[in-house]
Amino acid sequence: MPGPVHTAIQDKLRGELHPQKLEVRNDSSLHAHHHAMVVQGGGNGETHFAVTAISERFNGMLQIQRHRLVNRLLTEEFEKMGLHALSLRLYTQQEAERMQKQ
């Protein structure tokens, strides 16, 4: 069952990006030895996530702009909920289709 940080990430990204596809994976267990896992996450096991999103909102944006957008959307999660790290794969529908053909 997803925890509060996982749920907040999903809800905010769905609400703002209206993605055709959204995958949010909690990778925190892979980083259990990190100091932030206990201190920043308060031991809640929700500090490191991988996000894959396909959204037309990314049209015309450079990757850095997409990353900044997502990081800005999740400011509260970083500052108040213990989120420490995100791995982001952010694509337009056209980019995702092109990658599938390869």
N, C-alpha and C. Protein backbone atom coordinates (compact mmCIF):
# COMPACT_ATOMS: atom_id res chain seq x y z
N MET A 1 0.85 -1.18 0.00
CA MET A 1 0.00 0.00 0.00
C MET A 1 0.89 1.25 0.00
N PRO A 2 0.66 2.16 -0.92
CA PRO A 2 1.49 3.38 -0.99
C PRO A 2 1.34 4.24 0.27
N GLY A 3 2.46 4.83 0.68
CA GLY A 3 2.45 5.72 1.82
C GLY A 3 2.08 7.14 1.42
N PRO A 4 2.12 8.07 2.37
CA PRO A 4 1.68 9.44 2.12
C PRO A 4 2.53 10.19 1.10
N VAL A 5 3.84 9.96 1.08
CA VAL A 5 4.69 10.65 0.11
C VAL A 5 4.41 10.12 -1.29
N HIS A 6 4.34 8.81 -1.42
CA HIS A 6 4.03 8.17 -2.70
C HIS A 6 2.70 8.68 -3.25
N THR A 7 1.70 8.71 -2.39
CA THR A 7 0.37 9.18 -2.79
C THR A 7 0.39 10.65 -3.19
N ALA A 8 1.11 11.47 -2.43
CA ALA A 8 1.20 12.90 -2.75
C ALA A 8 1.87 13.12 -4.10
N ILE A 9 2.93 12.37 -4.38
CA ILE A 9 3.61 12.49 -5.68
C ILE A 9 2.64 12.14 -6.79
N GLN A 10 1.97 11.01 -6.68
CA GLN A 10 1.02 10.60 -7.71
C GLN A 10 -0.08 11.63 -7.91
N ASP A 11 -0.68 12.07 -6.83
CA ASP A 11 -1.80 13.01 -6.92
C ASP A 11 -1.38 14.33 -7.56
N LYS A 12 -0.25 14.87 -7.13
CA LYS A 12 0.19 16.16 -7.67
C LYS A 12 0.56 16.05 -9.14
N LEU A 13 1.28 15.00 -9.51
CA LEU A 13 1.69 14.86 -10.91
C LEU A 13 0.49 14.57 -11.81
N ARG A 14 -0.44 13.77 -11.36
CA ARG A 14 -1.66 13.53 -12.14
C ARG A 14 -2.45 14.82 -12.32
N GLY A 15 -2.58 15.57 -11.25
CA GLY A 15 -3.37 16.80 -11.29
C GLY A 15 -2.76 17.89 -12.15
N GLU A 16 -1.45 17.99 -12.17
CA GLU A 16 -0.77 19.07 -12.89
C GLU A 16 -0.34 18.68 -14.30
N LEU A 17 0.04 17.43 -14.50
CA LEU A 17 0.59 17.02 -15.79
C LEU A 17 -0.44 16.33 -16.69
N HIS A 18 -1.52 15.83 -16.11
CA HIS A 18 -2.51 15.05 -16.86
C HIS A 18 -1.82 14.04 -17.76
N PRO A 19 -1.01 13.17 -17.17
CA PRO A 19 -0.17 12.28 -17.98
C PRO A 19 -0.96 11.16 -18.65
N GLN A 20 -0.48 10.77 -19.83
CA GLN A 20 -1.03 9.59 -20.49
C GLN A 20 -0.56 8.34 -19.75
N LYS A 21 0.63 8.46 -19.14
CA LYS A 21 1.19 7.36 -18.35
C LYS A 21 1.93 7.97 -17.17
N LEU A 22 1.76 7.37 -16.00
CA LEU A 22 2.50 7.80 -14.81
C LEU A 22 2.84 6.57 -13.99
N GLU A 23 4.12 6.39 -13.74
CA GLU A 23 4.59 5.32 -12.86
C GLU A 23 5.43 5.97 -11.77
N VAL A 24 5.09 5.67 -10.54
CA VAL A 24 5.84 6.17 -9.38
C VAL A 24 6.28 4.94 -8.60
N ARG A 25 7.60 4.78 -8.46
CA ARG A 25 8.15 3.62 -7.77
C ARG A 25 8.96 4.07 -6.56
N ASN A 26 8.68 3.48 -5.43
CA ASN A 26 9.41 3.77 -4.20
C ASN A 26 10.69 2.93 -4.17
N ASP A 27 11.83 3.59 -4.34
CA ASP A 27 13.13 2.91 -4.32
C ASP A 27 13.85 3.09 -2.99
N SER A 28 13.16 3.53 -1.98
CA SER A 28 13.78 3.86 -0.70
C SER A 28 14.51 2.68 -0.08
N SER A 29 13.98 1.49 -0.25
CA SER A 29 14.62 0.32 0.37
C SER A 29 16.03 0.08 -0.19
N LEU A 30 16.28 0.56 -1.40
CA LEU A 30 17.61 0.43 -2.00
C LEU A 30 18.61 1.38 -1.37
N HIS A 31 18.11 2.32 -0.60
CA HIS A 31 18.96 3.36 0.00
C HIS A 31 18.84 3.36 1.53
N ALA A 32 18.48 2.24 2.10
CA ALA A 32 18.24 2.15 3.54
C ALA A 32 19.48 2.52 4.36
N HIS A 33 20.65 2.36 3.76
CA HIS A 33 21.90 2.67 4.47
C HIS A 33 22.21 4.17 4.47
N HIS A 34 21.47 4.95 3.69
CA HIS A 34 21.72 6.39 3.62
C HIS A 34 21.22 7.08 4.89
N HIS A 35 21.98 8.03 5.33
CA HIS A 35 21.63 8.81 6.52
C HIS A 35 20.25 9.48 6.36
N ALA A 36 19.97 9.97 5.17
CA ALA A 36 18.70 10.68 4.93
C ALA A 36 17.49 9.77 5.10
N MET A 37 17.68 8.48 4.89
CA MET A 37 16.56 7.54 5.01
C MET A 37 15.95 7.60 6.40
N VAL A 38 16.78 7.79 7.41
CA VAL A 38 16.29 7.86 8.78
C VAL A 38 16.02 9.29 9.20
N VAL A 39 16.99 10.18 8.96
CA VAL A 39 16.88 11.55 9.45
C VAL A 39 15.83 12.33 8.67
N GLN A 40 16.00 12.43 7.36
CA GLN A 40 15.10 13.26 6.56
C GLN A 40 13.74 12.61 6.39
N GLY A 41 13.72 11.31 6.21
CA GLY A 41 12.45 10.63 6.01
C GLY A 41 11.75 10.27 7.29
N GLY A 42 12.39 10.55 8.41
CA GLY A 42 11.77 10.23 9.68
C GLY A 42 11.54 8.73 9.85
N GLY A 43 12.28 7.94 9.06
CA GLY A 43 12.13 6.50 9.14
C GLY A 43 10.88 5.98 8.47
N ASN A 44 10.22 6.82 7.65
CA ASN A 44 8.95 6.41 7.03
C ASN A 44 9.15 5.56 5.78
N GLY A 45 10.39 5.36 5.34
CA GLY A 45 10.64 4.53 4.18
C GLY A 45 10.22 5.16 2.87
N GLU A 46 10.09 6.47 2.84
CA GLU A 46 9.67 7.16 1.62
C GLU A 46 10.59 8.34 1.35
N THR A 47 11.79 8.04 0.90
CA THR A 47 12.77 9.10 0.65
C THR A 47 13.26 9.14 -0.79
N HIS A 48 13.27 8.01 -1.48
CA HIS A 48 13.81 7.90 -2.83
C HIS A 48 12.75 7.31 -3.77
N PHE A 49 12.48 8.02 -4.86
CA PHE A 49 11.47 7.57 -5.82
C PHE A 49 11.98 7.67 -7.25
N ALA A 50 11.46 6.79 -8.10
CA ALA A 50 11.68 6.86 -9.54
C ALA A 50 10.32 7.16 -10.18
N VAL A 51 10.31 8.15 -11.06
CA VAL A 51 9.07 8.57 -11.72
C VAL A 51 9.26 8.51 -13.23
N THR A 52 8.33 7.86 -13.90
CA THR A 52 8.26 7.89 -15.36
C THR A 52 6.91 8.50 -15.71
N ALA A 53 6.95 9.54 -16.55
CA ALA A 53 5.71 10.21 -16.94
C ALA A 53 5.74 10.54 -18.42
N ILE A 54 4.61 10.32 -19.06
CA ILE A 54 4.40 10.72 -20.45
C ILE A 54 3.27 11.73 -20.43
N SER A 55 3.59 12.94 -20.91
CA SER A 55 2.60 14.02 -20.84
C SER A 55 2.82 15.01 -21.97
N GLU A 56 1.73 15.46 -22.54
CA GLU A 56 1.81 16.50 -23.56
C GLU A 56 2.23 17.84 -22.95
N ARG A 57 2.13 17.96 -21.65
CA ARG A 57 2.59 19.18 -20.97
C ARG A 57 4.09 19.41 -21.22
N PHE A 58 4.82 18.35 -21.54
CA PHE A 58 6.26 18.45 -21.78
C PHE A 58 6.60 18.92 -23.19
N ASN A 59 5.61 19.05 -24.06
CA ASN A 59 5.87 19.50 -25.43
C ASN A 59 6.61 20.83 -25.42
N GLY A 60 7.67 20.92 -26.21
CA GLY A 60 8.42 22.17 -26.33
C GLY A 60 9.34 22.47 -25.17
N MET A 61 9.44 21.56 -24.21
CA MET A 61 10.30 21.79 -23.04
C MET A 61 11.57 20.95 -23.15
N LEU A 62 12.68 21.55 -22.75
CA LEU A 62 13.93 20.80 -22.62
C LEU A 62 13.82 19.88 -21.41
N GLN A 63 14.65 18.84 -21.37
CA GLN A 63 14.63 17.94 -20.21
C GLN A 63 14.83 18.69 -18.90
N ILE A 64 15.75 19.63 -18.87
CA ILE A 64 16.01 20.38 -17.63
C ILE A 64 14.76 21.16 -17.20
N GLN A 65 14.01 21.67 -18.16
CA GLN A 65 12.77 22.38 -17.83
C GLN A 65 11.72 21.43 -17.26
N ARG A 66 11.66 20.23 -17.80
CA ARG A 66 10.73 19.22 -17.29
C ARG A 66 11.08 18.84 -15.86
N HIS A 67 12.37 18.62 -15.62
CA HIS A 67 12.83 18.26 -14.28
C HIS A 67 12.54 19.38 -13.28
N ARG A 68 12.80 20.60 -13.70
CA ARG A 68 12.52 21.74 -12.81
C ARG A 68 11.04 21.85 -12.50
N LEU A 69 10.20 21.61 -13.49
CA LEU A 69 8.75 21.64 -13.29
C LEU A 69 8.34 20.61 -12.24
N VAL A 70 8.78 19.38 -12.41
CA VAL A 70 8.40 18.32 -11.47
C VAL A 70 8.95 18.62 -10.08
N ASN A 71 10.19 19.04 -10.00
CA ASN A 71 10.77 19.37 -8.70
C ASN A 71 10.00 20.51 -8.02
N ARG A 72 9.59 21.50 -8.81
CA ARG A 72 8.81 22.61 -8.25
C ARG A 72 7.44 22.12 -7.76
N LEU A 73 6.81 21.23 -8.52
CA LEU A 73 5.51 20.69 -8.11
C LEU A 73 5.61 19.92 -6.80
N LEU A 74 6.78 19.36 -6.53
CA LEU A 74 6.96 18.52 -5.34
C LEU A 74 7.76 19.22 -4.24
N THR A 75 7.77 20.54 -4.25
CA THR A 75 8.51 21.31 -3.24
C THR A 75 8.11 20.91 -1.83
N GLU A 76 6.83 20.81 -1.58
CA GLU A 76 6.36 20.48 -0.23
C GLU A 76 6.85 19.09 0.21
N GLU A 77 6.85 18.15 -0.72
CA GLU A 77 7.30 16.80 -0.39
C GLU A 77 8.79 16.79 -0.04
N PHE A 78 9.57 17.59 -0.76
CA PHE A 78 11.00 17.70 -0.45
C PHE A 78 11.23 18.41 0.88
N GLU A 79 10.51 19.49 1.11
CA GLU A 79 10.77 20.32 2.29
C GLU A 79 10.12 19.82 3.57
N LYS A 80 8.96 19.17 3.46
CA LYS A 80 8.21 18.83 4.68
C LYS A 80 7.90 17.35 4.87
N MET A 81 8.03 16.55 3.81
CA MET A 81 7.60 15.16 3.92
C MET A 81 8.74 14.15 3.84
N GLY A 82 9.98 14.62 3.76
CA GLY A 82 11.11 13.70 3.79
C GLY A 82 11.59 13.20 2.45
N LEU A 83 10.99 13.67 1.34
CA LEU A 83 11.48 13.26 0.02
C LEU A 83 12.91 13.75 -0.13
N HIS A 84 13.80 12.86 -0.54
CA HIS A 84 15.23 13.17 -0.63
C HIS A 84 15.74 13.13 -2.07
N ALA A 85 15.25 12.18 -2.88
CA ALA A 85 15.79 12.02 -4.23
C ALA A 85 14.72 11.51 -5.19
N LEU A 86 14.81 12.02 -6.42
CA LEU A 86 13.92 11.58 -7.51
C LEU A 86 14.76 11.19 -8.71
N SER A 87 14.42 10.07 -9.31
CA SER A 87 14.96 9.70 -10.61
C SER A 87 13.82 9.94 -11.59
N LEU A 88 14.04 10.80 -12.58
CA LEU A 88 12.95 11.22 -13.46
C LEU A 88 13.19 10.79 -14.90
N ARG A 89 12.16 10.20 -15.49
CA ARG A 89 12.12 9.91 -16.93
C ARG A 89 10.84 10.55 -17.43
N LEU A 90 11.00 11.66 -18.14
CA LEU A 90 9.86 12.50 -18.52
C LEU A 90 9.83 12.65 -20.03
N TYR A 91 8.73 12.22 -20.65
CA TYR A 91 8.63 12.19 -22.10
C TYR A 91 7.33 12.81 -22.60
N THR A 92 7.38 13.29 -23.85
CA THR A 92 6.15 13.63 -24.55
C THR A 92 5.61 12.33 -25.14
N GLN A 93 4.36 12.34 -25.58
CA GLN A 93 3.78 11.16 -26.22
C GLN A 93 4.59 10.78 -27.45
N GLN A 94 4.99 11.76 -28.23
CA GLN A 94 5.76 11.50 -29.45
C GLN A 94 7.10 10.84 -29.13
N GLU A 95 7.78 11.32 -28.11
CA GLU A 95 9.06 10.73 -27.71
C GLU A 95 8.88 9.28 -27.25
N ALA A 96 7.83 9.03 -26.50
CA ALA A 96 7.57 7.68 -26.01
C ALA A 96 7.27 6.73 -27.17
N GLU A 97 6.50 7.19 -28.14
CA GLU A 97 6.19 6.36 -29.31
C GLU A 97 7.45 6.08 -30.11
N ARG A 98 8.30 7.08 -30.27
CA ARG A 98 9.55 6.91 -31.00
C ARG A 98 10.45 5.89 -30.29
N MET A 99 10.50 5.93 -28.98
CA MET A 99 11.33 4.99 -28.22
C MET A 99 10.79 3.57 -28.33
N GLN A 100 9.48 3.41 -28.39
CA GLN A 100 8.88 2.08 -28.52
C GLN A 100 9.25 1.43 -29.84
N LYS A 101 9.41 2.23 -30.88
CA LYS A 101 9.73 1.70 -32.21
C LYS A 101 11.18 1.24 -32.32
N GLN A 102 12.02 1.72 -31.43
CA GLN A 102 13.45 1.36 -31.51
C GLN A 102 13.72 -0.02 -31.00
